[in-house]
Amino acid sequence: MNPTLNTIDIIVSDMEASIAFYARLGLEFKLDANTPEHAGCDLPGGLHVMLDTEGFRTPLLPGWSAPTGGPRTLLCFEFDSPAGVDAKYAELVGAGYRGIAEPFDAFWGMRYATVADPDGGGIDLYASLPTT
């Protein structure tokens, strides 16, 4: 029996700020009617992404504390064009989110940039570079 990866859970410190950030990337989170410390978003292909507040998850994870330093996990968002990467990076940084890596042309043939979500999690923005 092989397990199926179908859900990603992101622990957040501020639900409202996180929902607003991910909305800028096109994800529409809906708060759970019974538990406002939990929100979910269904993506095409069957992937479900959850946001849980630190207060909600901490009792379920004995000894857990928020990580320090750089992001340990990166969520990667693909764009149709390199210009899309540049525009979204500029929008997010202009809205006050921290840029980690400004847009650059990567040696593997993609335009790449990284920003931090409200809790410092890494968000990669990328698009294939035109082939010549």
C-alpha atoms as a PDB file:
ATOM      1  CA  MET A   1       0.000   0.000   0.000  1.00  0.00           C
ATOM      2  CA  ASN A   2       1.463   3.341  -1.057  1.00  0.00           C
ATOM      3  CA  PRO A   3       0.287   6.504   0.689  1.00  0.00           C
ATOM      4  CA  THR A   4      -0.939   9.455  -1.356  1.00  0.00           C
ATOM      5  CA  LEU A   5       0.281  12.985  -0.668  1.00  0.00           C
ATOM      6  CA  ASN A   6      -2.908  15.019  -0.958  1.00  0.00           C
ATOM      7  CA  THR A   7      -2.668  17.690   1.754  1.00  0.00           C
ATOM      8  CA  ILE A   8      -0.149  20.297   2.852  1.00  0.00           C
ATOM      9  CA  ASP A   9      -0.635  21.957   6.256  1.00  0.00           C
ATOM     10  CA  ILE A  10       1.042  25.301   6.910  1.00  0.00           C
ATOM     11  CA  ILE A  11       1.220  26.533  10.500  1.00  0.00           C
ATOM     12  CA  VAL A  12       0.699  30.291  10.615  1.00  0.00           C
ATOM     13  CA  SER A  13       0.906  32.925  13.309  1.00  0.00           C
ATOM     14  CA  ASP A  14      -1.747  35.253  11.822  1.00  0.00           C
ATOM     15  CA  MET A  15      -4.600  33.614   9.893  1.00  0.00           C
ATOM     16  CA  GLU A  16      -5.926  36.838   8.364  1.00  0.00           C
ATOM     17  CA  ALA A  17      -2.484  37.949   7.143  1.00  0.00           C
ATOM     18  CA  SER A  18      -1.774  34.517   5.682  1.00  0.00           C
ATOM     19  CA  ILE A  19      -5.104  34.309   3.857  1.00  0.00           C
ATOM     20  CA  ALA A  20      -4.466  37.776   2.386  1.00  0.00           C
ATOM     21  CA  PHE A  21      -0.951  36.785   1.252  1.00  0.00           C
ATOM     22  CA  TYR A  22      -2.020  33.555  -0.432  1.00  0.00           C
ATOM     23  CA  ALA A  23      -4.980  35.318  -2.076  1.00  0.00           C
ATOM     24  CA  ARG A  24      -2.397  37.427  -3.929  1.00  0.00           C
ATOM     25  CA  LEU A  25      -1.090  34.149  -5.356  1.00  0.00           C
ATOM     26  CA  GLY A  26      -4.555  33.029  -6.431  1.00  0.00           C
ATOM     27  CA  LEU A  27      -5.383  30.670  -3.556  1.00  0.00           C
ATOM     28  CA  GLU A  28      -8.811  31.110  -1.985  1.00  0.00           C
ATOM     29  CA  PHE A  29      -8.807  29.841   1.586  1.00  0.00           C
ATOM     30  CA  LYS A  30     -12.073  29.357   3.388  1.00  0.00           C
ATOM     31  CA  LEU A  31     -12.210  29.511   7.175  1.00  0.00           C
ATOM     32  CA  ASP A  32     -13.704  26.469   8.878  1.00  0.00           C
ATOM     33  CA  ALA A  33     -17.123  27.444  10.250  1.00  0.00           C
ATOM     34  CA  ASN A  34     -16.488  25.508  13.482  1.00  0.00           C
ATOM     35  CA  THR A  35     -12.801  26.318  13.939  1.00  0.00           C
ATOM     36  CA  PRO A  36     -11.674  29.798  12.800  1.00  0.00           C
ATOM     37  CA  GLU A  37      -8.087  28.757  13.545  1.00  0.00           C
ATOM     38  CA  HIS A  38      -8.267  26.441  10.502  1.00  0.00           C
ATOM     39  CA  ALA A  39      -8.744  27.234   6.799  1.00  0.00           C
ATOM     40  CA  GLY A  40      -8.600  25.130   3.667  1.00  0.00           C
ATOM     41  CA  CYS A  41      -8.140  25.519  -0.072  1.00  0.00           C
ATOM     42  CA  ASP A  42      -8.750  22.829  -2.698  1.00  0.00           C
ATOM     43  CA  LEU A  43      -6.468  22.968  -5.743  1.00  0.00           C
ATOM     44  CA  PRO A  44      -6.842  21.340  -9.150  1.00  0.00           C
ATOM     45  CA  GLY A  45      -5.563  17.795  -9.219  1.00  0.00           C
ATOM     46  CA  GLY A  46      -6.870  16.968  -5.757  1.00  0.00           C
ATOM     47  CA  LEU A  47      -4.286  18.754  -3.600  1.00  0.00           C
ATOM     48  CA  HIS A  48      -5.692  20.374  -0.454  1.00  0.00           C
ATOM     49  CA  VAL A  49      -3.746  23.090   1.373  1.00  0.00           C
ATOM     50  CA  MET A  50      -4.569  23.958   4.975  1.00  0.00           C
ATOM     51  CA  LEU A  51      -3.641  26.870   7.184  1.00  0.00           C
ATOM     52  CA  ASP A  52      -3.661  26.232  10.937  1.00  0.00           C
ATOM     53  CA  THR A  53      -2.770  28.797  13.559  1.00  0.00           C
ATOM     54  CA  GLU A  54       0.074  28.120  15.963  1.00  0.00           C
ATOM     55  CA  GLY A  55      -2.464  28.128  18.796  1.00  0.00           C
ATOM     56  CA  PHE A  56      -4.509  25.419  17.095  1.00  0.00           C
ATOM     57  CA  ARG A  57      -1.611  23.115  16.176  1.00  0.00           C
ATOM     58  CA  THR A  58       0.738  23.526  19.150  1.00  0.00           C
ATOM     59  CA  PRO A  59      -1.361  21.372  21.531  1.00  0.00           C
ATOM     60  CA  LEU A  60      -1.404  18.640  18.865  1.00  0.00           C
ATOM     61  CA  LEU A  61       2.393  18.668  18.468  1.00  0.00           C
ATOM     62  CA  PRO A  62       3.996  18.272  21.914  1.00  0.00           C
ATOM     63  CA  GLY A  63       7.259  20.188  22.129  1.00  0.00           C
ATOM     64  CA  TRP A  64       6.723  22.068  18.854  1.00  0.00           C
ATOM     65  CA  SER A  65       8.002  25.604  18.448  1.00  0.00           C
ATOM     66  CA  ALA A  66       8.201  27.812  15.385  1.00  0.00           C
ATOM     67  CA  PRO A  67      11.407  27.210  13.399  1.00  0.00           C
ATOM     68  CA  THR A  68      14.048  29.921  13.200  1.00  0.00           C
ATOM     69  CA  GLY A  69      16.412  30.843  10.399  1.00  0.00           C
ATOM     70  CA  GLY A  70      15.550  30.385   6.744  1.00  0.00           C
ATOM     71  CA  PRO A  71      12.602  28.496   5.341  1.00  0.00           C
ATOM     72  CA  ARG A  72      12.783  24.708   5.505  1.00  0.00           C
ATOM     73  CA  THR A  73      10.024  24.227   2.962  1.00  0.00           C
ATOM     74  CA  LEU A  74       9.207  26.167  -0.184  1.00  0.00           C
ATOM     75  CA  LEU A  75       5.897  26.292  -2.001  1.00  0.00           C
ATOM     76  CA  CYS A  76       6.498  26.819  -5.715  1.00  0.00           C
ATOM     77  CA  PHE A  77       4.114  28.728  -7.981  1.00  0.00           C
ATOM     78  CA  GLU A  78       4.510  28.453 -11.763  1.00  0.00           C
ATOM     79  CA  PHE A  79       3.734  31.417 -14.015  1.00  0.00           C
ATOM     80  CA  ASP A  80       3.077  31.559 -17.744  1.00  0.00           C
ATOM     81  CA  SER A  81       5.987  33.887 -18.459  1.00  0.00           C
ATOM     82  CA  PRO A  82       9.118  35.388 -16.926  1.00  0.00           C
ATOM     83  CA  ALA A  83       7.323  38.757 -16.932  1.00  0.00           C
ATOM     84  CA  GLY A  84       4.650  37.192 -14.712  1.00  0.00           C
ATOM     85  CA  VAL A  85       7.322  36.226 -12.172  1.00  0.00           C
ATOM     86  CA  ASP A  86       8.737  39.743 -12.182  1.00  0.00           C
ATOM     87  CA  ALA A  87       5.305  41.338 -11.832  1.00  0.00           C
ATOM     88  CA  LYS A  88       4.189  39.103  -8.953  1.00  0.00           C
ATOM     89  CA  TYR A  89       7.503  39.558  -7.129  1.00  0.00           C
ATOM     90  CA  ALA A  90       7.189  43.369  -7.491  1.00  0.00           C
ATOM     91  CA  GLU A  91       3.558  43.231  -6.314  1.00  0.00           C
ATOM     92  CA  LEU A  92       4.348  41.172  -3.216  1.00  0.00           C
ATOM     93  CA  VAL A  93       7.439  43.165  -2.219  1.00  0.00           C
ATOM     94  CA  GLY A  94       5.536  46.387  -2.932  1.00  0.00           C
ATOM     95  CA  ALA A  95       2.804  45.178  -0.574  1.00  0.00           C
ATOM     96  CA  GLY A  96       5.382  44.823   2.204  1.00  0.00           C
ATOM     97  CA  TYR A  97       6.303  41.129   1.983  1.00  0.00           C
ATOM     98  CA  ARG A  98      10.003  40.299   2.313  1.00  0.00           C
ATOM     99  CA  GLY A  99      11.900  39.436  -0.831  1.00  0.00           C
ATOM    100  CA  ILE A 100      14.385  36.598  -0.315  1.00  0.00           C
ATOM    101  CA  ALA A 101      15.762  36.354  -3.868  1.00  0.00           C
ATOM    102  CA  GLU A 102      15.050  38.950  -6.540  1.00  0.00           C
ATOM    103  CA  PRO A 103      14.013  37.594  -9.952  1.00  0.00           C
ATOM    104  CA  PHE A 104      16.914  36.024 -11.853  1.00  0.00           C
ATOM    105  CA  ASP A 105      17.461  33.787 -14.862  1.00  0.00           C
ATOM    106  CA  ALA A 106      18.503  30.427 -13.426  1.00  0.00           C
ATOM    107  CA  PHE A 107      20.988  28.196 -15.198  1.00  0.00           C
ATOM    108  CA  TRP A 108      18.324  25.453 -15.420  1.00  0.00           C
ATOM    109  CA  GLY A 109      16.259  27.568 -17.832  1.00  0.00           C
ATOM    110  CA  MET A 110      13.780  29.314 -15.579  1.00  0.00           C
ATOM    111  CA  ARG A 111      13.081  32.800 -14.287  1.00  0.00           C
ATOM    112  CA  TYR A 112      13.063  32.429 -10.518  1.00  0.00           C
ATOM    113  CA  ALA A 113      12.353  34.571  -7.468  1.00  0.00           C
ATOM    114  CA  THR A 114      11.582  33.876  -3.815  1.00  0.00           C
ATOM    115  CA  VAL A 115       9.524  35.827  -1.284  1.00  0.00           C
ATOM    116  CA  ALA A 116       8.617  35.078   2.321  1.00  0.00           C
ATOM    117  CA  ASP A 117       5.051  34.516   3.449  1.00  0.00           C
ATOM    118  CA  PRO A 118       3.959  36.306   6.660  1.00  0.00           C
ATOM    119  CA  ASP A 119       5.637  33.616   8.807  1.00  0.00           C
ATOM    120  CA  GLY A 120       8.895  33.501   6.830  1.00  0.00           C
ATOM    121  CA  GLY A 121       8.001  30.434   4.751  1.00  0.00           C
ATOM    122  CA  GLY A 122       9.608  30.396   1.328  1.00  0.00           C
ATOM    123  CA  ILE A 123       7.470  30.997  -1.735  1.00  0.00           C
ATOM    124  CA  ASP A 124       9.166  30.397  -5.078  1.00  0.00           C
ATOM    125  CA  LEU A 125       7.841  32.096  -8.196  1.00  0.00           C
ATOM    126  CA  TYR A 126       9.052  30.621 -11.482  1.00  0.00           C
ATOM    127  CA  ALA A 127       8.477  30.400 -15.237  1.00  0.00           C
ATOM    128  CA  SER A 128      10.300  28.723 -18.090  1.00  0.00           C
ATOM    129  CA  LEU A 129      12.596  31.015 -20.045  1.00  0.00           C
ATOM    130  CA  PRO A 130      11.951  31.267 -23.785  1.00  0.00           C
ATOM    131  CA  THR A 131      14.049  28.858 -25.817  1.00  0.00           C
ATOM    132  CA  THR A 132      16.146  30.277 -28.592  1.00  0.00           C
END
